[in-house]
Amino acid sequence: MNETLDYFIYKGDRIELKVISHKKNNLEPIIFLHEGLGSVSLWKDWPLKVALATKRDAIIYSRIGMGNSSPLKDKRKINYMHVEAIEILPKIIKFLNINNPILFGHSDGASIALIYAGSGFNSKALILEAPHVFVEEISIQGAKYAKKMWNNNNLKDKLQKYHSDVDGAFNGWCNAWTSKGFKKWNIEEFLSNITVPTMLIQGKNDEYGTMKQVNIIENKISGISNKLEIDKCGHSPHVDYPDLITKKIIYFINNFLC
């Protein structure tokens, strides 16, 4: 395996980009789209684990304002996931000369994957972990609790090593999710346009969302789906049950992808 770290430039901003590659690999790569407070480093060894198990290359990047990417210049707007999916992600994919990636999205990253695929951009498949397609009260309360933990410094201490601008990273996400306008955020309109195989992963004890999210996706997408519900599991199934998720991903790729 070979790991390289680079930066992609978008409108003057640097985007931290990491590629884990196999020699002479022609399989479609997996692009990892992190959660609202995530980054390249916060994924830890998960992308490498999946790359080794699936024998596919892995691409990871930190969105602007996160990780070692450029800090935010302004506050995040409500449509920040739309901008990421429709403007930035396609440019990164083109820069890497990728034609048909598998998108692994976690939380915000899963929503970005849905908007991307539902907007007509090419993908081989979607693997969605704790996705959001509308705002639930539990989502707002989860963000407010995170703010409480932040003010007590517990959360800031945990995130400090994963973001060069940890204050901007947290406030950009939290202020967007707790704003009045965000309650109307909804991406269900994109679902019927999704025709690729889709894996849905949801912990039943997720503090940011319920099974309603994956059930709506399952019912409204046009492609085949494979749903995994996990008992005693929170917002990050790949952290709580890495071996189980890895096995289910291999099964999904082997049985649902052409």
C-alpha atoms as a PDB file:
ATOM      1  CA  MET A   1       0.000   0.000   0.000  1.00  0.00           C
ATOM      2  CA  ASN A   2       1.122   3.524  -0.761  1.00  0.00           C
ATOM      3  CA  GLU A   3      -0.142   6.603   1.125  1.00  0.00           C
ATOM      4  CA  THR A   4       0.270  10.120  -0.250  1.00  0.00           C
ATOM      5  CA  LEU A   5      -0.854  13.465   1.186  1.00  0.00           C
ATOM      6  CA  ASP A   6      -1.571  16.387  -1.106  1.00  0.00           C
ATOM      7  CA  TYR A   7      -3.716  19.510  -1.364  1.00  0.00           C
ATOM      8  CA  PHE A   8      -6.403  20.424  -3.872  1.00  0.00           C
ATOM      9  CA  ILE A   9      -6.957  24.133  -4.466  1.00  0.00           C
ATOM     10  CA  TYR A  10     -10.538  25.388  -4.702  1.00  0.00           C
ATOM     11  CA  LYS A  11     -11.026  29.129  -5.228  1.00  0.00           C
ATOM     12  CA  GLY A  12      -7.824  29.851  -3.354  1.00  0.00           C
ATOM     13  CA  ASP A  13      -8.592  27.484  -0.456  1.00  0.00           C
ATOM     14  CA  ARG A  14      -6.452  24.416   0.244  1.00  0.00           C
ATOM     15  CA  ILE A  15      -8.258  21.094   0.689  1.00  0.00           C
ATOM     16  CA  GLU A  16      -6.311  18.401   2.532  1.00  0.00           C
ATOM     17  CA  LEU A  17      -6.286  15.244   0.410  1.00  0.00           C
ATOM     18  CA  LYS A  18      -4.996  11.763   1.217  1.00  0.00           C
ATOM     19  CA  VAL A  19      -4.790   8.821  -1.192  1.00  0.00           C
ATOM     20  CA  ILE A  20      -4.246   5.200  -0.126  1.00  0.00           C
ATOM     21  CA  SER A  21      -3.426   3.193  -3.231  1.00  0.00           C
ATOM     22  CA  HIS A  22      -2.654  -0.335  -4.340  1.00  0.00           C
ATOM     23  CA  LYS A  23      -0.213  -1.098  -7.135  1.00  0.00           C
ATOM     24  CA  LYS A  24      -1.863  -1.790 -10.501  1.00  0.00           C
ATOM     25  CA  ASN A  25      -5.433  -1.456  -9.226  1.00  0.00           C
ATOM     26  CA  ASN A  26      -8.202  -0.890 -11.764  1.00  0.00           C
ATOM     27  CA  LEU A  27     -11.140  -1.229  -9.353  1.00  0.00           C
ATOM     28  CA  GLU A  28     -13.285   1.794  -8.625  1.00  0.00           C
ATOM     29  CA  PRO A  29     -11.870   3.640  -5.594  1.00  0.00           C
ATOM     30  CA  ILE A  30     -13.773   4.495  -2.433  1.00  0.00           C
ATOM     31  CA  ILE A  31     -14.048   8.169  -1.509  1.00  0.00           C
ATOM     32  CA  PHE A  32     -14.620   8.819   2.198  1.00  0.00           C
ATOM     33  CA  LEU A  33     -16.803  11.812   3.073  1.00  0.00           C
ATOM     34  CA  HIS A  34     -16.490  12.671   6.751  1.00  0.00           C
ATOM     35  CA  GLU A  35     -19.073  13.669   9.352  1.00  0.00           C
ATOM     36  CA  GLY A  36     -19.850  17.247  10.372  1.00  0.00           C
ATOM     37  CA  LEU A  37     -16.906  17.449  12.776  1.00  0.00           C
ATOM     38  CA  GLY A  38     -14.665  15.039  10.890  1.00  0.00           C
ATOM     39  CA  SER A  39     -11.393  15.311   8.995  1.00  0.00           C
ATOM     40  CA  VAL A  40      -8.770  13.163   7.297  1.00  0.00           C
ATOM     41  CA  SER A  41      -7.099  12.334  10.615  1.00  0.00           C
ATOM     42  CA  LEU A  42     -10.341  11.734  12.531  1.00  0.00           C
ATOM     43  CA  TRP A  43     -11.071   8.752  10.269  1.00  0.00           C
ATOM     44  CA  LYS A  44      -7.949   7.216  11.906  1.00  0.00           C
ATOM     45  CA  ASP A  45      -7.200   3.793  10.320  1.00  0.00           C
ATOM     46  CA  TRP A  46     -10.723   3.117   9.014  1.00  0.00           C
ATOM     47  CA  PRO A  47     -10.094   4.005   5.326  1.00  0.00           C
ATOM     48  CA  LEU A  48      -6.940   1.860   5.328  1.00  0.00           C
ATOM     49  CA  LYS A  49      -8.866  -1.039   6.866  1.00  0.00           C
ATOM     50  CA  VAL A  50     -11.540  -0.805   4.173  1.00  0.00           C
ATOM     51  CA  ALA A  51      -8.966  -0.373   1.404  1.00  0.00           C
ATOM     52  CA  LEU A  52      -7.174  -3.538   2.466  1.00  0.00           C
ATOM     53  CA  ALA A  53     -10.381  -5.534   2.891  1.00  0.00           C
ATOM     54  CA  THR A  54     -11.896  -4.497  -0.463  1.00  0.00           C
ATOM     55  CA  LYS A  55      -8.595  -4.273  -2.377  1.00  0.00           C
ATOM     56  CA  ARG A  56      -9.667  -0.829  -3.576  1.00  0.00           C
ATOM     57  CA  ASP A  57      -7.927   2.521  -3.351  1.00  0.00           C
ATOM     58  CA  ALA A  58      -9.207   4.950  -0.732  1.00  0.00           C
ATOM     59  CA  ILE A  59      -9.427   8.729  -1.052  1.00  0.00           C
ATOM     60  CA  ILE A  60      -9.993  10.913   1.995  1.00  0.00           C
ATOM     61  CA  TYR A  61     -10.215  14.685   2.216  1.00  0.00           C
ATOM     62  CA  SER A  62     -11.025  17.337   4.809  1.00  0.00           C
ATOM     63  CA  ARG A  63     -13.673  19.817   3.767  1.00  0.00           C
ATOM     64  CA  ILE A  64     -12.809  23.517   3.910  1.00  0.00           C
ATOM     65  CA  GLY A  65     -12.791  24.630   7.545  1.00  0.00           C
ATOM     66  CA  MET A  66     -11.910  21.136   8.781  1.00  0.00           C
ATOM     67  CA  GLY A  67      -8.717  19.205   9.453  1.00  0.00           C
ATOM     68  CA  ASN A  68      -5.699  20.822   7.807  1.00  0.00           C
ATOM     69  CA  SER A  69      -7.718  22.406   5.030  1.00  0.00           C
ATOM     70  CA  SER A  70      -8.032  26.183   4.860  1.00  0.00           C
ATOM     71  CA  PRO A  71     -10.138  27.740   7.625  1.00  0.00           C
ATOM     72  CA  LEU A  72     -13.594  29.092   6.870  1.00  0.00           C
ATOM     73  CA  LYS A  73     -13.656  32.713   5.738  1.00  0.00           C
ATOM     74  CA  ASP A  74     -17.354  33.144   6.567  1.00  0.00           C
ATOM     75  CA  LYS A  75     -19.956  31.270   8.590  1.00  0.00           C
ATOM     76  CA  ARG A  76     -21.418  28.148   7.014  1.00  0.00           C
ATOM     77  CA  LYS A  77     -24.627  28.703   5.105  1.00  0.00           C
ATOM     78  CA  ILE A  78     -27.552  26.315   5.355  1.00  0.00           C
ATOM     79  CA  ASN A  79     -26.815  24.944   1.878  1.00  0.00           C
ATOM     80  CA  TYR A  80     -23.190  24.053   2.662  1.00  0.00           C
ATOM     81  CA  MET A  81     -23.752  20.358   1.911  1.00  0.00           C
ATOM     82  CA  HIS A  82     -25.288  21.228  -1.467  1.00  0.00           C
ATOM     83  CA  VAL A  83     -22.241  23.357  -2.337  1.00  0.00           C
ATOM     84  CA  GLU A  84     -19.920  20.514  -1.326  1.00  0.00           C
ATOM     85  CA  ALA A  85     -21.824  17.906  -3.354  1.00  0.00           C
ATOM     86  CA  ILE A  86     -22.477  19.903  -6.509  1.00  0.00           C
ATOM     87  CA  GLU A  87     -19.465  22.219  -6.768  1.00  0.00           C
ATOM     88  CA  ILE A  88     -16.474  20.922  -4.801  1.00  0.00           C
ATOM     89  CA  LEU A  89     -16.670  17.108  -4.818  1.00  0.00           C
ATOM     90  CA  PRO A  90     -17.039  16.828  -8.634  1.00  0.00           C
ATOM     91  CA  LYS A  91     -13.927  18.997  -9.065  1.00  0.00           C
ATOM     92  CA  ILE A  92     -11.919  16.802  -6.679  1.00  0.00           C
ATOM     93  CA  ILE A  93     -13.053  13.687  -8.542  1.00  0.00           C
ATOM     94  CA  LYS A  94     -12.061  15.255 -11.870  1.00  0.00           C
ATOM     95  CA  PHE A  95      -8.698  16.333 -10.424  1.00  0.00           C
ATOM     96  CA  LEU A  96      -8.020  12.721  -9.415  1.00  0.00           C
ATOM     97  CA  ASN A  97      -9.143  11.449 -12.832  1.00  0.00           C
ATOM     98  CA  ILE A  98     -11.788   9.156 -11.339  1.00  0.00           C
ATOM     99  CA  ASN A  99     -14.790   8.097 -13.402  1.00  0.00           C
ATOM    100  CA  ASN A 100     -17.077   6.070 -11.170  1.00  0.00           C
ATOM    101  CA  PRO A 101     -16.250   6.160  -7.461  1.00  0.00           C
ATOM    102  CA  ILE A 102     -17.900   4.388  -4.571  1.00  0.00           C
ATOM    103  CA  LEU A 103     -18.859   7.037  -2.020  1.00  0.00           C
ATOM    104  CA  PHE A 104     -18.665   6.178   1.681  1.00  0.00           C
ATOM    105  CA  GLY A 105     -20.388   8.993   3.539  1.00  0.00           C
ATOM    106  CA  HIS A 106     -20.786   9.402   7.290  1.00  0.00           C
ATOM    107  CA  SER A 107     -23.517  11.720   8.656  1.00  0.00           C
ATOM    108  CA  ASP A 108     -23.059  15.056   6.801  1.00  0.00           C
ATOM    109  CA  GLY A 109     -20.830  13.148   4.381  1.00  0.00           C
ATOM    110  CA  ALA A 110     -23.651  10.684   3.677  1.00  0.00           C
ATOM    111  CA  SER A 111     -26.003  13.571   2.923  1.00  0.00           C
ATOM    112  CA  ILE A 112     -23.401  15.044   0.579  1.00  0.00           C
ATOM    113  CA  ALA A 113     -23.143  11.669  -1.193  1.00  0.00           C
ATOM    114  CA  LEU A 114     -26.938  11.612  -1.658  1.00  0.00           C
ATOM    115  CA  ILE A 115     -27.029  15.122  -3.112  1.00  0.00           C
ATOM    116  CA  TYR A 116     -24.094  14.286  -5.403  1.00  0.00           C
ATOM    117  CA  ALA A 117     -25.650  11.077  -6.757  1.00  0.00           C
ATOM    118  CA  GLY A 118     -29.124  12.625  -6.899  1.00  0.00           C
ATOM    119  CA  SER A 119     -27.773  15.507  -8.996  1.00  0.00           C
ATOM    120  CA  GLY A 120     -26.712  13.174 -11.805  1.00  0.00           C
ATOM    121  CA  PHE A 121     -22.993  12.855 -11.114  1.00  0.00           C
ATOM    122  CA  ASN A 122     -21.405   9.453 -11.743  1.00  0.00           C
ATOM    123  CA  SER A 123     -20.903   6.945  -8.954  1.00  0.00           C
ATOM    124  CA  LYS A 124     -20.636   3.175  -8.757  1.00  0.00           C
ATOM    125  CA  ALA A 125     -22.423   2.824  -5.417  1.00  0.00           C
ATOM    126  CA  LEU A 126     -23.183   4.619  -2.166  1.00  0.00           C
ATOM    127  CA  ILE A 127     -22.375   3.422   1.353  1.00  0.00           C
ATOM    128  CA  LEU A 128     -24.224   5.686   3.773  1.00  0.00           C
ATOM    129  CA  GLU A 129     -23.598   5.667   7.506  1.00  0.00           C
ATOM    130  CA  ALA A 130     -26.015   7.653   9.721  1.00  0.00           C
ATOM    131  CA  PRO A 131     -27.333   9.740   6.803  1.00  0.00           C
ATOM    132  CA  HIS A 132     -29.620  12.766   7.160  1.00  0.00           C
ATOM    133  CA  VAL A 133     -32.285  13.720   4.612  1.00  0.00           C
ATOM    134  CA  PHE A 134     -34.329  15.992   6.872  1.00  0.00           C
ATOM    135  CA  VAL A 135     -33.895  17.575  10.300  1.00  0.00           C
ATOM    136  CA  GLU A 136     -35.289  15.749  13.317  1.00  0.00           C
ATOM    137  CA  GLU A 137     -35.627  17.215  16.789  1.00  0.00           C
ATOM    138  CA  ILE A 138     -33.083  14.679  18.023  1.00  0.00           C
ATOM    139  CA  SER A 139     -30.593  16.142  15.529  1.00  0.00           C
ATOM    140  CA  ILE A 140     -31.005  19.647  16.911  1.00  0.00           C
ATOM    141  CA  GLN A 141     -30.814  18.460  20.497  1.00  0.00           C
ATOM    142  CA  GLY A 142     -27.669  16.473  19.664  1.00  0.00           C
ATOM    143  CA  ALA A 143     -26.004  19.596  18.261  1.00  0.00           C
ATOM    144  CA  LYS A 144     -27.058  21.624  21.303  1.00  0.00           C
ATOM    145  CA  TYR A 145     -25.615  18.985  23.617  1.00  0.00           C
ATOM    146  CA  ALA A 146     -22.376  19.079  21.619  1.00  0.00           C
ATOM    147  CA  LYS A 147     -22.312  22.854  22.177  1.00  0.00           C
ATOM    148  CA  LYS A 148     -22.699  22.280  25.919  1.00  0.00           C
ATOM    149  CA  MET A 149     -19.806  19.827  25.868  1.00  0.00           C
ATOM    150  CA  TRP A 150     -17.796  22.343  23.855  1.00  0.00           C
ATOM    151  CA  ASN A 151     -18.393  25.102  26.392  1.00  0.00           C
ATOM    152  CA  ASN A 152     -17.182  22.758  29.132  1.00  0.00           C
ATOM    153  CA  ASN A 153     -13.996  22.233  27.057  1.00  0.00           C
ATOM    154  CA  ASN A 154     -14.424  18.444  26.989  1.00  0.00           C
ATOM    155  CA  LEU A 155     -15.212  18.266  23.284  1.00  0.00           C
ATOM    156  CA  LYS A 156     -12.706  20.940  22.315  1.00  0.00           C
ATOM    157  CA  ASP A 157      -9.925  18.994  23.986  1.00  0.00           C
ATOM    158  CA  LYS A 158     -10.894  15.855  22.045  1.00  0.00           C
ATOM    159  CA  LEU A 159     -11.088  17.619  18.658  1.00  0.00           C
ATOM    160  CA  GLN A 160      -8.022  19.834  19.030  1.00  0.00           C
ATOM    161  CA  LYS A 161      -5.599  17.372  17.440  1.00  0.00           C
ATOM    162  CA  TYR A 162      -7.811  16.746  14.404  1.00  0.00           C
ATOM    163  CA  HIS A 163      -8.322  20.364  13.253  1.00  0.00           C
ATOM    164  CA  SER A 164      -5.836  23.183  12.754  1.00  0.00           C
ATOM    165  CA  ASP A 165      -8.672  25.676  13.402  1.00  0.00           C
ATOM    166  CA  VAL A 166     -10.726  23.751  15.936  1.00  0.00           C
ATOM    167  CA  ASP A 167     -12.924  26.728  16.911  1.00  0.00           C
ATOM    168  CA  GLY A 168     -13.856  27.417  13.297  1.00  0.00           C
ATOM    169  CA  ALA A 169     -14.468  23.731  12.614  1.00  0.00           C
ATOM    170  CA  PHE A 170     -16.863  23.309  15.525  1.00  0.00           C
ATOM    171  CA  ASN A 171     -18.694  26.611  15.288  1.00  0.00           C
ATOM    172  CA  GLY A 172     -19.134  26.326  11.520  1.00  0.00           C
ATOM    173  CA  TRP A 173     -20.957  23.017  11.966  1.00  0.00           C
ATOM    174  CA  CYS A 174     -22.834  23.697  15.207  1.00  0.00           C
ATOM    175  CA  ASN A 175     -24.081  27.182  14.312  1.00  0.00           C
ATOM    176  CA  ALA A 176     -25.486  25.902  11.020  1.00  0.00           C
ATOM    177  CA  TRP A 177     -27.296  22.947  12.597  1.00  0.00           C
ATOM    178  CA  THR A 178     -28.775  24.984  15.465  1.00  0.00           C
ATOM    179  CA  SER A 179     -29.891  27.940  13.326  1.00  0.00           C
ATOM    180  CA  LYS A 180     -33.620  28.568  12.885  1.00  0.00           C
ATOM    181  CA  GLY A 181     -33.451  28.251   9.122  1.00  0.00           C
ATOM    182  CA  PHE A 182     -31.848  24.819   9.238  1.00  0.00           C
ATOM    183  CA  LYS A 183     -35.035  23.244  10.579  1.00  0.00           C
ATOM    184  CA  LYS A 184     -36.402  23.404   7.011  1.00  0.00           C
ATOM    185  CA  TRP A 185     -33.349  21.708   5.473  1.00  0.00           C
ATOM    186  CA  ASN A 186     -34.479  18.704   3.427  1.00  0.00           C
ATOM    187  CA  ILE A 187     -32.888  16.742   0.563  1.00  0.00           C
ATOM    188  CA  GLU A 188     -35.623  14.171  -0.156  1.00  0.00           C
ATOM    189  CA  GLU A 189     -36.042  15.675  -3.643  1.00  0.00           C
ATOM    190  CA  PHE A 190     -32.748  14.073  -4.702  1.00  0.00           C
ATOM    191  CA  LEU A 191     -33.626  10.512  -3.686  1.00  0.00           C
ATOM    192  CA  SER A 192     -35.721   9.383  -6.664  1.00  0.00           C
ATOM    193  CA  ASN A 193     -32.818  10.229  -8.998  1.00  0.00           C
ATOM    194  CA  ILE A 194     -30.491   7.779  -7.260  1.00  0.00           C
ATOM    195  CA  THR A 195     -30.218   4.575  -9.286  1.00  0.00           C
ATOM    196  CA  VAL A 196     -26.953   3.069  -8.017  1.00  0.00           C
ATOM    197  CA  PRO A 197     -26.776   0.320  -5.364  1.00  0.00           C
ATOM    198  CA  THR A 198     -26.968   1.883  -1.914  1.00  0.00           C
ATOM    199  CA  MET A 199     -25.935   0.463   1.453  1.00  0.00           C
ATOM    200  CA  LEU A 200     -27.602   2.047   4.496  1.00  0.00           C
ATOM    201  CA  ILE A 201     -26.026   1.767   7.950  1.00  0.00           C
ATOM    202  CA  GLN A 202     -27.774   3.073  11.061  1.00  0.00           C
ATOM    203  CA  GLY A 203     -27.188   2.631  14.776  1.00  0.00           C
ATOM    204  CA  LYS A 204     -30.412   2.349  16.732  1.00  0.00           C
ATOM    205  CA  ASN A 205     -28.973   4.505  19.523  1.00  0.00           C
ATOM    206  CA  ASP A 206     -27.758   7.299  17.255  1.00  0.00           C
ATOM    207  CA  GLU A 207     -27.860  10.559  19.184  1.00  0.00           C
ATOM    208  CA  TYR A 208     -28.314  12.620  15.998  1.00  0.00           C
ATOM    209  CA  GLY A 209     -30.978  10.709  14.059  1.00  0.00           C
ATOM    210  CA  THR A 210     -33.468   7.849  13.975  1.00  0.00           C
ATOM    211  CA  MET A 211     -34.330   4.952  11.689  1.00  0.00           C
ATOM    212  CA  LYS A 212     -36.759   7.294   9.890  1.00  0.00           C
ATOM    213  CA  GLN A 213     -33.818   8.647   7.912  1.00  0.00           C
ATOM    214  CA  VAL A 214     -32.706   5.355   6.357  1.00  0.00           C
ATOM    215  CA  ASN A 215     -36.299   4.146   5.925  1.00  0.00           C
ATOM    216  CA  ILE A 216     -37.153   7.194   3.801  1.00  0.00           C
ATOM    217  CA  ILE A 217     -34.022   6.714   1.706  1.00  0.00           C
ATOM    218  CA  GLU A 218     -34.785   3.018   1.223  1.00  0.00           C
ATOM    219  CA  ASN A 219     -38.339   3.786   0.097  1.00  0.00           C
ATOM    220  CA  LYS A 220     -37.574   6.692  -2.223  1.00  0.00           C
ATOM    221  CA  ILE A 221     -34.377   5.816  -4.093  1.00  0.00           C
ATOM    222  CA  SER A 222     -34.745   4.148  -7.472  1.00  0.00           C
ATOM    223  CA  GLY A 223     -31.820   1.741  -7.113  1.00  0.00           C
ATOM    224  CA  ILE A 224     -31.495  -1.395  -5.020  1.00  0.00           C
ATOM    225  CA  SER A 225     -30.638  -0.990  -1.344  1.00  0.00           C
ATOM    226  CA  ASN A 226     -29.121  -3.026   1.463  1.00  0.00           C
ATOM    227  CA  LYS A 227     -29.988  -1.840   4.982  1.00  0.00           C
ATOM    228  CA  LEU A 228     -28.078  -2.612   8.164  1.00  0.00           C
ATOM    229  CA  GLU A 229     -29.646  -1.697  11.529  1.00  0.00           C
ATOM    230  CA  ILE A 230     -27.376  -2.154  14.547  1.00  0.00           C
ATOM    231  CA  ASP A 231     -28.527  -2.508  18.152  1.00  0.00           C
ATOM    232  CA  LYS A 232     -26.575  -0.803  20.936  1.00  0.00           C
ATOM    233  CA  CYS A 233     -24.851   1.443  18.425  1.00  0.00           C
ATOM    234  CA  GLY A 234     -24.511   5.222  18.270  1.00  0.00           C
ATOM    235  CA  HIS A 235     -23.689   7.746  15.552  1.00  0.00           C
ATOM    236  CA  SER A 236     -20.470   6.075  14.350  1.00  0.00           C
ATOM    237  CA  PRO A 237     -21.040   2.372  13.597  1.00  0.00           C
ATOM    238  CA  HIS A 238     -17.603   2.035  11.974  1.00  0.00           C
ATOM    239  CA  VAL A 239     -16.083   3.037  15.324  1.00  0.00           C
ATOM    240  CA  ASP A 240     -18.378   0.895  17.478  1.00  0.00           C
ATOM    241  CA  TYR A 241     -18.361  -2.218  15.264  1.00  0.00           C
ATOM    242  CA  PRO A 242     -15.494  -1.939  12.733  1.00  0.00           C
ATOM    243  CA  ASP A 243     -15.210  -5.665  11.978  1.00  0.00           C
ATOM    244  CA  LEU A 244     -18.952  -6.074  11.422  1.00  0.00           C
ATOM    245  CA  ILE A 245     -19.138  -3.043   9.143  1.00  0.00           C
ATOM    246  CA  THR A 246     -16.121  -4.211   7.157  1.00  0.00           C
ATOM    247  CA  LYS A 247     -17.683  -7.645   6.581  1.00  0.00           C
ATOM    248  CA  LYS A 248     -20.999  -6.083   5.529  1.00  0.00           C
ATOM    249  CA  ILE A 249     -19.244  -3.732   3.099  1.00  0.00           C
ATOM    250  CA  ILE A 250     -17.451  -6.658   1.466  1.00  0.00           C
ATOM    251  CA  TYR A 251     -20.772  -8.516   1.198  1.00  0.00           C
ATOM    252  CA  PHE A 252     -22.453  -5.460  -0.307  1.00  0.00           C
ATOM    253  CA  ILE A 253     -19.729  -4.908  -2.901  1.00  0.00           C
ATOM    254  CA  ASN A 254     -19.574  -8.586  -3.856  1.00  0.00           C
ATOM    255  CA  ASN A 255     -23.336  -9.076  -4.126  1.00  0.00           C
ATOM    256  CA  PHE A 256     -24.856  -5.734  -5.170  1.00  0.00           C
ATOM    257  CA  LEU A 257     -22.282  -4.217  -7.535  1.00  0.00           C
ATOM    258  CA  CYS A 258     -22.136  -5.413 -11.132  1.00  0.00           C
END
